[in-house]
Protein backbone atom coordinates (compact mmCIF):
# COMPACT_ATOMS: atom_id res chain seq x y z
CA MET A 1 -6.69 -15.31 37.23
CA SER A 2 -4.72 -18.18 35.65
CA ALA A 3 -1.54 -18.58 34.50
CA PRO A 4 -0.30 -15.39 33.08
CA ARG A 5 -0.26 -14.71 29.37
CA PRO A 6 2.76 -13.43 27.40
CA PRO A 7 3.27 -9.98 28.49
CA TYR A 8 3.58 -8.12 25.15
CA VAL A 9 0.62 -7.55 22.60
CA PRO A 10 1.70 -5.90 19.54
CA VAL A 11 -1.13 -4.97 16.86
CA LEU A 12 -0.27 -5.92 13.38
CA ARG A 13 -2.30 -5.67 10.39
CA SER A 14 -2.36 -8.44 7.83
CA HIS A 15 0.08 -6.90 5.33
CA ARG A 16 3.30 -8.45 4.16
CA ALA A 17 5.82 -6.07 6.25
CA GLU A 18 4.01 -6.97 9.15
CA THR A 19 3.55 -11.05 8.99
CA ASN A 20 7.18 -11.28 7.70
CA ALA A 21 8.38 -9.53 10.58
CA LEU A 22 6.93 -11.64 13.06
CA ARG A 23 8.04 -14.93 11.08
CA GLU A 24 11.62 -13.67 11.43
CA LEU A 25 11.41 -13.48 15.29
CA THR A 26 13.44 -16.01 17.14
CA PRO A 27 11.54 -18.31 19.34
CA ALA A 28 12.84 -16.85 22.43
CA VAL A 29 11.45 -13.43 21.48
CA ARG A 30 8.41 -14.86 20.12
CA ARG A 31 7.25 -16.55 23.26
CA LEU A 32 7.29 -13.36 25.18
CA MET A 33 4.31 -12.05 22.77
CA ALA A 34 0.96 -12.78 21.86
CA PRO A 35 0.53 -10.56 18.53
CA LEU A 36 -2.82 -9.14 17.62
CA ILE A 37 -3.16 -9.94 13.83
CA GLU A 38 -5.78 -7.39 12.45
CA VAL A 39 -7.34 -8.65 9.34
CA SER A 40 -7.07 -5.48 6.87
CA ALA A 41 -9.68 -4.03 4.77
CA GLU A 42 -7.18 -4.63 2.15
CA THR A 43 -7.21 -8.28 2.66
CA ALA A 44 -10.76 -8.50 3.16
CA GLN A 45 -11.40 -6.86 -0.17
CA ARG A 46 -8.85 -9.30 -1.69
CA LEU A 47 -10.68 -12.40 -0.11
CA SER A 48 -14.20 -10.84 -1.02
CA GLN A 49 -14.23 -13.16 -3.97
CA VAL A 50 -12.71 -16.34 -2.79
CA SER A 51 -14.32 -19.43 -1.14
CA SER A 52 -14.91 -19.87 2.39
CA ASP A 53 -12.26 -22.59 2.42
CA ALA A 54 -9.70 -20.37 1.01
CA VAL A 55 -10.63 -17.66 3.29
CA ALA A 56 -10.18 -20.13 6.08
CA ARG A 57 -6.83 -21.25 4.88
CA GLU A 58 -5.71 -17.43 4.81
CA LEU A 59 -6.78 -16.87 8.49
CA HIS A 60 -5.23 -19.89 9.67
CA GLU A 61 -1.71 -18.92 7.95
CA LEU A 62 -2.20 -15.50 9.36
CA SER A 63 -2.30 -16.65 13.09
CA ALA A 64 -0.80 -20.20 13.02
CA GLY A 65 1.98 -19.24 10.59
CA VAL A 66 3.55 -16.62 12.43
CA GLY A 67 5.40 -19.20 14.79
CA PRO A 68 4.70 -21.22 17.67
CA GLY A 69 2.98 -19.33 20.61
CA GLU A 70 -0.03 -17.62 21.16
CA SER A 71 -1.62 -14.87 19.07
CA TYR A 72 -4.98 -13.10 18.75
CA LEU A 73 -6.82 -12.81 15.40
CA ASP A 74 -9.15 -10.19 14.80
CA ILE A 75 -11.28 -10.41 12.00
CA ALA A 76 -13.92 -7.42 12.02
CA ALA A 77 -13.04 -6.69 8.51
CA LEU A 78 -14.79 -10.10 7.40
CA ARG A 79 -17.93 -9.76 9.63
CA THR A 80 -20.52 -8.85 6.88
CA ARG A 81 -19.65 -11.88 4.79
CA ASP A 82 -22.78 -14.32 4.63
CA ASP A 83 -20.16 -17.27 4.90
CA LEU A 84 -18.73 -16.11 8.21
CA SER A 85 -20.10 -19.20 10.14
CA THR A 86 -18.74 -21.72 7.38
CA ILE A 87 -15.27 -19.81 7.44
CA LEU A 88 -15.18 -20.01 11.19
CA ARG A 89 -16.06 -23.77 11.21
CA ARG A 90 -13.56 -24.63 8.70
CA LEU A 91 -10.98 -22.28 10.64
CA ALA A 92 -11.46 -23.99 13.80
CA LEU A 93 -11.09 -27.28 12.21
CA ARG A 94 -7.68 -26.32 10.97
CA LEU A 95 -6.61 -24.71 14.10
CA SER A 96 -7.60 -28.00 16.27
CA GLN A 97 -5.04 -29.70 14.23
CA VAL A 98 -2.18 -27.90 15.13
CA PRO A 99 -0.90 -26.63 18.86
CA ALA A 100 -1.48 -23.11 17.96
CA GLY A 101 -2.66 -20.67 20.64
CA THR A 102 -4.97 -18.67 18.55
CA ARG A 103 -7.64 -16.69 20.39
CA LEU A 104 -10.29 -15.11 18.48
CA VAL A 105 -10.93 -11.29 18.81
CA PHE A 106 -14.41 -10.15 19.76
CA ARG A 107 -15.49 -6.54 19.61
CA MET A 108 -18.51 -4.63 20.67
CA GLY A 109 -20.52 -5.09 17.58
CA ASP A 110 -20.55 -8.69 18.17
CA PHE A 111 -22.26 -8.77 21.25
CA SER A 112 -25.93 -8.60 19.79
CA ALA A 113 -25.40 -11.94 17.97
CA PRO A 114 -23.30 -14.68 19.50
CA GLN A 115 -25.11 -17.49 17.43
CA ARG A 116 -22.84 -16.05 14.59
CA PHE A 117 -19.61 -17.62 16.19
CA ALA A 118 -21.22 -20.94 17.70
CA ASP A 119 -19.26 -22.84 14.68
CA ALA A 120 -15.95 -21.91 16.36
CA GLN A 121 -16.78 -23.19 19.98
CA THR A 122 -14.66 -25.79 19.77
CA ILE A 123 -11.42 -23.71 19.59
CA LEU A 124 -12.89 -21.00 21.64
CA ARG A 125 -13.44 -23.83 24.49
CA ARG A 126 -9.63 -25.07 23.86
CA ASN A 127 -7.79 -21.45 23.56
CA GLY A 128 -10.39 -19.03 25.10
CA ALA A 129 -10.74 -15.55 23.29
CA ALA A 130 -10.49 -11.98 23.71
CA ILE A 131 -12.53 -8.75 23.78
CA ARG A 132 -11.13 -5.66 22.46
CA VAL A 133 -12.45 -2.27 23.58
CA SER A 134 -11.84 1.09 22.82
CA ARG A 135 -12.37 4.36 24.97
CA ALA A 136 -15.76 5.02 22.68
CA ASP A 137 -16.98 1.60 23.70
CA TYR A 138 -16.99 2.64 27.48
CA VAL A 139 -20.59 4.84 26.80
CA ASN A 140 -21.98 2.16 24.41
CA ALA A 141 -24.85 0.35 26.10
CA GLN A 142 -24.19 -2.87 24.50
CA LEU A 143 -21.11 -3.24 26.96
CA ALA A 144 -23.61 -4.10 29.70
CA SER A 145 -24.41 -7.34 27.79
CA VAL A 146 -20.65 -8.68 27.60
CA ARG A 147 -21.60 -11.41 30.09
CA SER A 148 -24.72 -12.57 28.09
CA PHE A 149 -22.93 -12.74 25.20
CA LEU A 150 -20.14 -14.82 26.58
CA GLN A 151 -22.84 -17.11 28.14
CA GLY A 152 -24.35 -17.67 24.78
CA LEU A 153 -20.83 -19.01 23.58
CA SER A 154 -20.47 -21.10 26.93
CA LEU A 155 -17.81 -19.24 27.81
CA THR A 156 -16.50 -17.50 31.31
CA PRO A 157 -14.59 -14.38 31.86
CA HIS A 158 -11.93 -16.59 33.45
CA ALA A 159 -11.07 -17.71 29.79
CA ILE A 160 -11.00 -14.43 28.00
CA ASP A 161 -8.29 -11.47 27.77
CA LEU A 162 -9.51 -8.05 27.88
CA ILE A 163 -7.80 -5.79 25.49
CA VAL A 164 -7.98 -2.08 26.14
CA ASP A 165 -7.15 -0.39 22.94
CA CYS A 166 -6.30 3.20 23.89
CA LYS A 167 -5.53 3.86 20.07
CA VAL A 168 -3.57 7.16 19.76
CA VAL A 169 -1.62 8.11 23.03
CA GLU A 170 -0.97 11.74 23.13
CA ASP A 171 1.39 13.74 25.80
CA GLY A 172 0.10 13.36 29.08
CA GLN A 173 -3.00 11.22 28.27
CA THR A 174 -3.68 8.38 30.89
CA MET A 175 -3.42 4.87 29.60
CA VAL A 176 -3.55 2.37 32.24
CA GLY A 177 -6.50 2.36 34.45
CA THR A 178 -8.94 3.88 31.73
CA ALA A 179 -11.13 0.84 31.87
CA THR A 180 -10.96 0.32 36.07
CA LEU A 181 -14.92 -0.21 36.10
CA LEU A 182 -14.93 -2.84 33.31
CA GLU A 183 -11.83 -4.53 34.98
CA SER A 184 -13.27 -4.61 38.46
CA ARG A 185 -16.69 -5.97 37.53
CA ILE A 186 -15.67 -8.85 35.51
CA PRO A 187 -12.66 -11.31 36.57
CA TRP A 188 -10.90 -11.37 33.07
CA GLN A 189 -7.87 -13.88 32.52
CA SER A 190 -5.80 -10.81 31.71
CA VAL A 191 -5.93 -7.26 31.11
CA ALA A 192 -3.76 -5.62 28.25
CA TYR A 193 -3.54 -2.02 27.27
CA VAL A 194 -2.46 -0.98 23.89
CA GLY A 195 -1.82 2.26 22.26
CA GLY A 196 0.31 3.89 20.01
CA SER A 197 1.96 7.17 19.28
CA PHE A 198 4.23 6.95 16.10
CA PRO A 199 3.32 9.73 13.58
CA GLN A 200 0.80 8.66 10.91
CA ASN A 201 3.16 9.94 8.13
CA LEU A 202 6.67 11.64 8.47
CA ALA A 203 5.79 15.14 6.64
CA ASP A 204 6.30 17.22 9.51
CA LEU A 205 9.83 16.01 9.74
CA ALA A 206 12.85 17.64 8.14
CA LYS A 207 14.27 15.71 5.07
CA ASN A 208 17.66 14.60 5.13
CA ASP A 209 17.80 14.66 8.91
CA GLN A 210 17.92 12.45 12.13
CA HIS A 211 15.03 12.51 14.60
CA GLU A 212 14.15 11.24 18.09
CA LEU A 213 10.44 11.00 18.82
CA PRO A 214 8.98 9.84 22.16
CA ARG A 215 7.42 6.51 22.67
CA ARG A 216 4.46 8.17 24.77
CA GLU A 217 2.55 4.79 25.21
CA TRP A 218 5.78 2.95 26.49
CA GLN A 219 6.38 6.09 28.89
CA ARG A 220 2.97 6.08 29.98
CA PHE A 221 2.41 2.31 30.60
CA THR A 222 5.67 2.02 32.85
CA GLU A 223 4.67 5.04 35.00
CA GLU A 224 1.02 3.79 35.50
CA SER A 225 1.38 0.12 35.54
CA LEU A 226 3.37 0.20 38.94
CA GLN A 227 0.39 1.80 40.39
CA GLN A 228 -2.06 -1.12 39.53
CA GLY A 229 -2.77 -3.84 42.16
CA ARG A 230 -2.26 -6.71 39.81
CA PRO A 231 -0.10 -7.13 36.60
CA VAL A 232 -1.34 -5.71 33.45
CA ARG A 233 0.23 -6.35 29.89
CA PHE A 234 1.59 -3.96 27.24
CA GLY A 235 0.81 -3.58 23.62
CA ASP A 236 1.60 -1.02 20.83
CA TYR A 237 1.58 -0.55 17.37
CA THR A 238 5.18 -0.83 16.79
CA VAL A 239 6.52 1.76 14.45
CA GLN A 240 3.14 2.46 12.79
CA HIS A 241 0.30 4.90 13.76
CA PRO A 242 -2.99 3.30 15.21
CA PHE A 243 -4.85 4.64 12.20
CA GLN A 244 -2.95 3.80 8.82
CA GLN A 245 -4.72 4.34 5.41
CA ASP A 246 -6.13 1.02 4.22
CA PRO A 247 -5.44 -0.03 1.75
CA PRO A 248 -2.14 1.84 1.77
CA PRO A 249 -1.84 4.77 -0.99
CA LYS A 250 -0.06 3.46 -4.00
CA VAL A 251 2.40 6.47 -3.98
CA LEU A 252 6.42 5.97 -3.23
CA PRO A 253 6.98 7.55 0.35
CA SER A 254 10.09 9.14 1.34
CA GLY A 255 13.13 7.19 2.09
CA SER A 256 13.22 6.63 5.88
CA ILE A 257 14.40 3.97 8.58
CA ARG A 258 12.32 3.65 11.76
CA TYR A 259 14.62 2.28 14.70
CA THR A 260 13.34 1.68 18.19
CA SER A 261 15.08 2.60 21.40
CA ASP A 262 14.72 2.92 25.22
CA GLN A 263 12.39 5.85 25.38
CA HIS A 264 12.41 7.25 21.82
CA TRP A 265 12.34 6.21 18.14
CA VAL A 266 14.97 7.12 15.78
CA VAL A 267 13.54 8.20 12.31
CA MET A 268 16.36 8.52 9.59
CA ARG A 269 14.52 10.57 6.94
CA GLY A 270 15.68 11.10 3.44
CA GLU A 271 13.75 12.38 0.39
CA LYS A 272 10.51 11.33 -1.51
CA LEU A 273 11.95 8.22 -3.54
CA ASP A 274 10.56 9.54 -6.72
CA ALA A 275 11.20 13.49 -6.33
CA PRO A 276 13.18 15.14 -9.06
CA ASP A 277 17.08 15.32 -8.18
CA SER A 278 16.27 12.67 -5.27
CA PRO A 279 19.01 10.03 -4.82
CA GLY A 280 16.02 7.71 -4.84
CA HIS A 281 16.33 4.20 -3.23
CA GLU A 282 19.79 4.48 -3.04
CA GLN A 283 19.62 6.94 -0.12
CA TYR A 284 18.53 3.83 1.86
CA ILE A 285 22.15 2.68 2.15
CA ALA A 286 23.69 6.09 3.22
CA LEU A 287 20.70 6.09 5.87
CA ALA A 288 21.45 2.75 7.12
CA GLN A 289 25.15 3.58 7.43
CA LEU A 290 24.44 6.66 9.61
CA LEU A 291 21.99 4.73 11.53
CA CYS A 292 24.91 2.04 12.45
CA GLU A 293 26.97 4.56 13.85
CA ARG A 294 24.49 5.97 16.33
CA PRO A 295 24.80 4.41 19.96
CA GLU A 296 21.11 3.17 19.70
CA PHE A 297 22.13 0.55 17.16
CA ARG A 298 22.24 -2.70 18.64
CA GLY A 299 24.30 -4.34 16.20
CA SER A 300 23.57 -7.23 13.59
CA GLU A 301 23.01 -9.96 16.22
CA PHE A 302 20.21 -8.27 18.15
CA SER A 303 17.36 -8.94 15.70
CA ALA A 304 16.94 -10.01 11.96
CA GLY A 305 15.72 -6.13 11.41
CA ASP A 306 19.25 -5.14 12.65
CA ARG A 307 21.07 -7.77 10.50
CA TYR A 308 19.21 -6.39 7.54
CA ILE A 309 20.24 -2.91 8.49
CA ALA A 310 23.94 -3.88 8.98
CA LEU A 311 24.08 -5.72 5.64
CA MET A 312 22.44 -2.83 3.68
CA ALA A 313 24.92 -0.53 5.37
CA GLY A 314 27.88 -2.55 4.23
CA GLN A 315 27.30 -2.99 0.50
CA THR A 316 26.13 -0.91 -2.59
CA GLN A 317 24.49 -3.24 -4.90
CA ASN A 318 21.13 -3.56 -3.25
CA THR A 319 18.77 -0.81 -1.81
CA GLY A 320 15.75 -2.48 -0.58
CA SER A 321 12.27 -1.19 -0.82
CA PRO A 322 9.81 0.62 1.49
CA MET A 323 8.42 -2.64 2.38
CA THR A 324 11.57 -4.56 3.32
CA TRP A 325 12.64 -1.61 5.49
CA LEU A 326 9.30 -1.31 7.49
CA GLN A 327 9.81 -5.14 7.84
CA ALA A 328 13.20 -4.46 9.38
CA GLY A 329 12.00 -1.61 11.59
CA ILE A 330 8.89 -3.83 12.81
CA ASN A 331 11.11 -6.84 13.62
CA HIS A 332 13.79 -4.98 15.58
CA HIS A 333 10.67 -2.92 17.49
CA LEU A 334 9.00 -6.48 18.24
CA THR A 335 12.55 -7.72 19.41
CA PHE A 336 13.49 -4.51 21.41
CA ALA A 337 9.79 -4.20 23.20
CA ALA A 338 9.57 -7.69 24.15
CA ARG A 339 12.76 -7.69 25.80
CA GLN A 340 12.46 -4.43 27.48
CA LEU A 341 9.02 -5.53 28.59
CA GLU A 342 10.52 -8.80 30.05
CA ALA A 343 13.39 -6.69 31.98
CA PHE A 344 10.78 -4.40 33.21
CA ALA A 345 8.45 -7.31 34.61
CA ALA A 346 11.16 -8.74 36.31
CA ALA A 347 12.40 -5.35 38.11
């Protein structure tokens, strides 16, 4: 393997809360991660009626517009477009004009048609790429064609990062080492294990209460990665479930704040924002005040998300929205997890 990749690979969808959370990171934290930005079904639908150049412009903004450093771009949601080759050619041209380390992400369904990505070869040769596999892919016969797929694009495994997406990590489930055979047969540039265990929704959590939920993916990774013969990278789904409704439901959720700590998440859950007799959005202020009193709270200087929480706790005029509170939780998580992983690797 060549030089190590940034150690942290968080998966984020192309929604405002996620991309805004990335843009608010400090340069020191941003350099510790290579976020995997996944074009959502909602974004793909919105782009379905626009030109190839407009799509390429938005993809460029998604990948290169989240700050300097490496990133991954997963465009699986766009792969049925007839103009994909044109989009990739124009995207590659845009990316070649800036020092962005954007790596395209390939999935199993791409292996049968490498020619569809031929127009992106300039950026593939410069930045390399990534292959994202899940557990279900291990029994897919197409997996055996990975080498021929790379050869068809004039790429070698040494320029490719393998991303093993374990999806939902449950209690006692193995995470690291699940793709041992795939790792051992091909000399990848790096290998990352990604998973998530944040609940899909908060319906099972008592209202108007404070909860601590285990970060199972972090616990499994730290236990199992020490058993590997070489370094592996870590990724998660921040404070979201690996399988989110897409597009998101057009209903108001409960007022809640999601906050990451060493081994668990703190969830401050209120009531449904539009329920009868609910305090509505004003409950965010009280929840923020309670969170700031907890020992897990890192203070306003820790991240942009923490600054937002502290600011909202200290006033009564503004309440924020579900999007801004999710953005704050994601920004705090990205900062916390990146620094946590840096300390773990150093130890």
